[in-house]
């Protein structure tokens, strides 16, 4: 297995769900982080790739190339989703965190979370595969 840590640059902003006002309660808001990156080189068809997120703040949701991901828990504060069939030449990952501590400024993502791609060997099986 090969791992790629998705470090900076992450863009961050406050985000409110549909129907919630940006002037509404801070309890409604989500911390939204976005990062763009190229498809990893050397991937072959059907080679398993997992997005893994380890975070001290709960991950509310994730979107990869405009498609919602089903993040599966892999521990108390970690999640993963298989994304190998969703790659494009250029990709966009969005992560939403909630509930968010009462702060005004959004910290750098790497101060509370680690996001990486796990590229597995072609023949390997990943937990959750049938």
C-alpha atoms as a PDB file:
ATOM      1  CA  UNK A   1       0.000   0.000   0.000  1.00  0.00           C
ATOM      2  CA  UNK A   2       1.119   3.543  -0.822  1.00  0.00           C
ATOM      3  CA  UNK A   3      -0.165   6.611   1.069  1.00  0.00           C
ATOM      4  CA  UNK A   4      -0.472  10.216  -0.084  1.00  0.00           C
ATOM      5  CA  UNK A   5      -1.042  12.762   2.659  1.00  0.00           C
ATOM      6  CA  UNK A   6      -3.280  15.616   1.463  1.00  0.00           C
ATOM      7  CA  UNK A   7      -1.618  18.589   3.119  1.00  0.00           C
ATOM      8  CA  UNK A   8      -1.988  22.256   2.321  1.00  0.00           C
ATOM      9  CA  UNK A   9      -3.366  24.064   0.434  1.00  0.00           C
ATOM     10  CA  UNK A  10      -6.871  23.622   1.897  1.00  0.00           C
ATOM     11  CA  UNK A  11      -9.406  26.425   1.466  1.00  0.00           C
ATOM     12  CA  UNK A  12     -11.767  26.940   4.385  1.00  0.00           C
ATOM     13  CA  UNK A  13     -15.041  28.777   4.946  1.00  0.00           C
ATOM     14  CA  UNK A  14     -18.134  28.663   7.105  1.00  0.00           C
ATOM     15  CA  UNK A  15     -21.029  26.826   5.459  1.00  0.00           C
ATOM     16  CA  UNK A  16     -24.689  26.670   6.431  1.00  0.00           C
ATOM     17  CA  UNK A  17     -26.970  23.802   5.302  1.00  0.00           C
ATOM     18  CA  UNK A  18     -29.808  24.569   2.865  1.00  0.00           C
ATOM     19  CA  UNK A  19     -32.526  26.522   4.585  1.00  0.00           C
ATOM     20  CA  UNK A  20     -30.261  27.805   7.348  1.00  0.00           C
ATOM     21  CA  UNK A  21     -29.408  31.472   7.423  1.00  0.00           C
ATOM     22  CA  UNK A  22     -25.805  32.622   7.455  1.00  0.00           C
ATOM     23  CA  UNK A  23     -26.979  34.958  10.217  1.00  0.00           C
ATOM     24  CA  UNK A  24     -28.502  32.063  12.131  1.00  0.00           C
ATOM     25  CA  UNK A  25     -27.165  30.144  15.074  1.00  0.00           C
ATOM     26  CA  UNK A  26     -23.529  29.124  15.199  1.00  0.00           C
ATOM     27  CA  UNK A  27     -24.785  25.621  16.032  1.00  0.00           C
ATOM     28  CA  UNK A  28     -26.136  25.330  12.460  1.00  0.00           C
ATOM     29  CA  UNK A  29     -22.860  26.140  10.765  1.00  0.00           C
ATOM     30  CA  UNK A  30     -20.353  23.684   9.398  1.00  0.00           C
ATOM     31  CA  UNK A  31     -16.656  24.189   8.854  1.00  0.00           C
ATOM     32  CA  UNK A  32     -16.054  23.533   5.166  1.00  0.00           C
ATOM     33  CA  UNK A  33     -12.617  22.625   3.828  1.00  0.00           C
ATOM     34  CA  UNK A  34     -11.849  22.143   0.148  1.00  0.00           C
ATOM     35  CA  UNK A  35      -8.785  20.923  -1.695  1.00  0.00           C
ATOM     36  CA  UNK A  36      -8.101  20.207  -5.343  1.00  0.00           C
ATOM     37  CA  UNK A  37      -5.530  17.755  -6.650  1.00  0.00           C
ATOM     38  CA  UNK A  38      -4.541  15.788  -9.730  1.00  0.00           C
ATOM     39  CA  UNK A  39      -5.228  12.095 -10.166  1.00  0.00           C
ATOM     40  CA  UNK A  40      -2.307  10.148  -8.683  1.00  0.00           C
ATOM     41  CA  UNK A  41       0.017   8.881 -11.398  1.00  0.00           C
ATOM     42  CA  UNK A  42       0.341   5.186 -12.075  1.00  0.00           C
ATOM     43  CA  UNK A  43      -3.171   4.137 -11.047  1.00  0.00           C
ATOM     44  CA  UNK A  44      -4.559   1.234 -13.027  1.00  0.00           C
ATOM     45  CA  UNK A  45      -8.191   0.269 -13.593  1.00  0.00           C
ATOM     46  CA  UNK A  46      -9.888  -1.170 -10.492  1.00  0.00           C
ATOM     47  CA  UNK A  47      -6.904  -0.419  -8.252  1.00  0.00           C
ATOM     48  CA  UNK A  48      -8.447   0.224  -4.813  1.00  0.00           C
ATOM     49  CA  UNK A  49      -8.018   3.740  -3.430  1.00  0.00           C
ATOM     50  CA  UNK A  50      -9.406   4.785  -0.062  1.00  0.00           C
ATOM     51  CA  UNK A  51      -9.860   8.300   1.217  1.00  0.00           C
ATOM     52  CA  UNK A  52      -9.191   8.215   4.958  1.00  0.00           C
ATOM     53  CA  UNK A  53      -9.929  11.020   7.393  1.00  0.00           C
ATOM     54  CA  UNK A  54      -8.760  10.985  11.014  1.00  0.00           C
ATOM     55  CA  UNK A  55     -10.104  13.947  12.956  1.00  0.00           C
ATOM     56  CA  UNK A  56     -10.576  15.166  16.510  1.00  0.00           C
ATOM     57  CA  UNK A  57     -13.749  16.949  15.289  1.00  0.00           C
ATOM     58  CA  UNK A  58     -16.563  14.809  13.801  1.00  0.00           C
ATOM     59  CA  UNK A  59     -16.787  14.717  10.007  1.00  0.00           C
ATOM     60  CA  UNK A  60     -20.348  15.665   9.056  1.00  0.00           C
ATOM     61  CA  UNK A  61     -20.064  14.841   5.347  1.00  0.00           C
ATOM     62  CA  UNK A  62     -17.721  14.620   2.380  1.00  0.00           C
ATOM     63  CA  UNK A  63     -18.097  15.353  -1.325  1.00  0.00           C
ATOM     64  CA  UNK A  64     -15.677  14.137  -3.997  1.00  0.00           C
ATOM     65  CA  UNK A  65     -16.027  15.568  -7.507  1.00  0.00           C
ATOM     66  CA  UNK A  66     -19.577  16.771  -6.711  1.00  0.00           C
ATOM     67  CA  UNK A  67     -20.654  13.314  -5.476  1.00  0.00           C
ATOM     68  CA  UNK A  68     -21.499  12.684  -1.802  1.00  0.00           C
ATOM     69  CA  UNK A  69     -19.321  10.038  -0.193  1.00  0.00           C
ATOM     70  CA  UNK A  70     -20.479   7.445   2.292  1.00  0.00           C
ATOM     71  CA  UNK A  71     -17.850   7.723   4.995  1.00  0.00           C
ATOM     72  CA  UNK A  72     -17.574   4.499   6.977  1.00  0.00           C
ATOM     73  CA  UNK A  73     -16.219   4.639  10.531  1.00  0.00           C
ATOM     74  CA  UNK A  74     -12.943   2.789  11.084  1.00  0.00           C
ATOM     75  CA  UNK A  75     -12.440   3.766  14.714  1.00  0.00           C
ATOM     76  CA  UNK A  76     -13.466   6.381  17.232  1.00  0.00           C
ATOM     77  CA  UNK A  77     -12.307   9.333  15.161  1.00  0.00           C
ATOM     78  CA  UNK A  78     -11.496   7.946  11.707  1.00  0.00           C
ATOM     79  CA  UNK A  79     -13.496   7.318   8.538  1.00  0.00           C
ATOM     80  CA  UNK A  80     -12.870   6.005   5.057  1.00  0.00           C
ATOM     81  CA  UNK A  81     -14.542   5.820   1.652  1.00  0.00           C
ATOM     82  CA  UNK A  82     -13.528   4.008  -1.502  1.00  0.00           C
ATOM     83  CA  UNK A  83     -12.999   6.537  -4.303  1.00  0.00           C
ATOM     84  CA  UNK A  84     -11.034   4.766  -7.065  1.00  0.00           C
ATOM     85  CA  UNK A  85     -13.981   4.770  -9.498  1.00  0.00           C
ATOM     86  CA  UNK A  86     -14.624   8.493  -8.939  1.00  0.00           C
ATOM     87  CA  UNK A  87     -11.250   9.912  -9.985  1.00  0.00           C
ATOM     88  CA  UNK A  88     -11.005  12.475 -12.753  1.00  0.00           C
ATOM     89  CA  UNK A  89      -7.784  13.976 -14.138  1.00  0.00           C
ATOM     90  CA  UNK A  90      -8.372  16.925 -11.746  1.00  0.00           C
ATOM     91  CA  UNK A  91     -10.300  16.325  -8.494  1.00  0.00           C
ATOM     92  CA  UNK A  92     -12.040  18.337  -5.790  1.00  0.00           C
ATOM     93  CA  UNK A  93     -12.558  17.090  -2.246  1.00  0.00           C
ATOM     94  CA  UNK A  94     -14.837  18.898   0.209  1.00  0.00           C
ATOM     95  CA  UNK A  95     -15.034  18.001   3.901  1.00  0.00           C
ATOM     96  CA  UNK A  96     -17.619  19.368   6.341  1.00  0.00           C
ATOM     97  CA  UNK A  97     -17.153  19.230  10.103  1.00  0.00           C
ATOM     98  CA  UNK A  98     -19.925  19.590  12.721  1.00  0.00           C
ATOM     99  CA  UNK A  99     -20.474  20.341  15.526  1.00  0.00           C
ATOM    100  CA  UNK A 100     -17.805  22.974  15.500  1.00  0.00           C
ATOM    101  CA  UNK A 101     -16.272  24.499  18.643  1.00  0.00           C
ATOM    102  CA  UNK A 102     -17.217  28.101  19.364  1.00  0.00           C
ATOM    103  CA  UNK A 103     -14.467  29.882  17.452  1.00  0.00           C
ATOM    104  CA  UNK A 104     -14.472  32.743  15.006  1.00  0.00           C
ATOM    105  CA  UNK A 105     -11.468  31.798  12.906  1.00  0.00           C
ATOM    106  CA  UNK A 106     -11.140  28.467  11.154  1.00  0.00           C
ATOM    107  CA  UNK A 107      -7.825  26.766  11.937  1.00  0.00           C
ATOM    108  CA  UNK A 108      -5.673  25.012   9.393  1.00  0.00           C
ATOM    109  CA  UNK A 109      -7.068  21.558   8.717  1.00  0.00           C
ATOM    110  CA  UNK A 110      -3.822  19.854   9.720  1.00  0.00           C
ATOM    111  CA  UNK A 111      -4.215  21.150  13.290  1.00  0.00           C
ATOM    112  CA  UNK A 112      -7.130  18.758  13.928  1.00  0.00           C
ATOM    113  CA  UNK A 113      -7.309  16.272  11.037  1.00  0.00           C
ATOM    114  CA  UNK A 114      -5.227  14.087   8.766  1.00  0.00           C
ATOM    115  CA  UNK A 115      -6.526  13.336   5.268  1.00  0.00           C
ATOM    116  CA  UNK A 116      -4.836  10.833   3.007  1.00  0.00           C
ATOM    117  CA  UNK A 117      -5.258   8.601   0.003  1.00  0.00           C
ATOM    118  CA  UNK A 118      -4.424   4.949   0.516  1.00  0.00           C
ATOM    119  CA  UNK A 119      -3.514   3.301  -2.773  1.00  0.00           C
ATOM    120  CA  UNK A 120      -3.672  -0.477  -2.443  1.00  0.00           C
ATOM    121  CA  UNK A 121      -2.162  -3.157  -4.656  1.00  0.00           C
ATOM    122  CA  UNK A 122      -4.421  -4.298  -7.503  1.00  0.00           C
ATOM    123  CA  UNK A 123      -5.037  -7.713  -5.974  1.00  0.00           C
ATOM    124  CA  UNK A 124      -5.599  -6.557  -2.391  1.00  0.00           C
ATOM    125  CA  UNK A 125      -9.004  -6.644  -0.762  1.00  0.00           C
ATOM    126  CA  UNK A 126     -10.262  -3.789   1.351  1.00  0.00           C
ATOM    127  CA  UNK A 127     -12.519  -4.216   4.360  1.00  0.00           C
ATOM    128  CA  UNK A 128     -16.073  -3.755   3.134  1.00  0.00           C
ATOM    129  CA  UNK A 129     -15.406  -5.422  -0.230  1.00  0.00           C
ATOM    130  CA  UNK A 130     -17.658  -8.369  -1.023  1.00  0.00           C
END
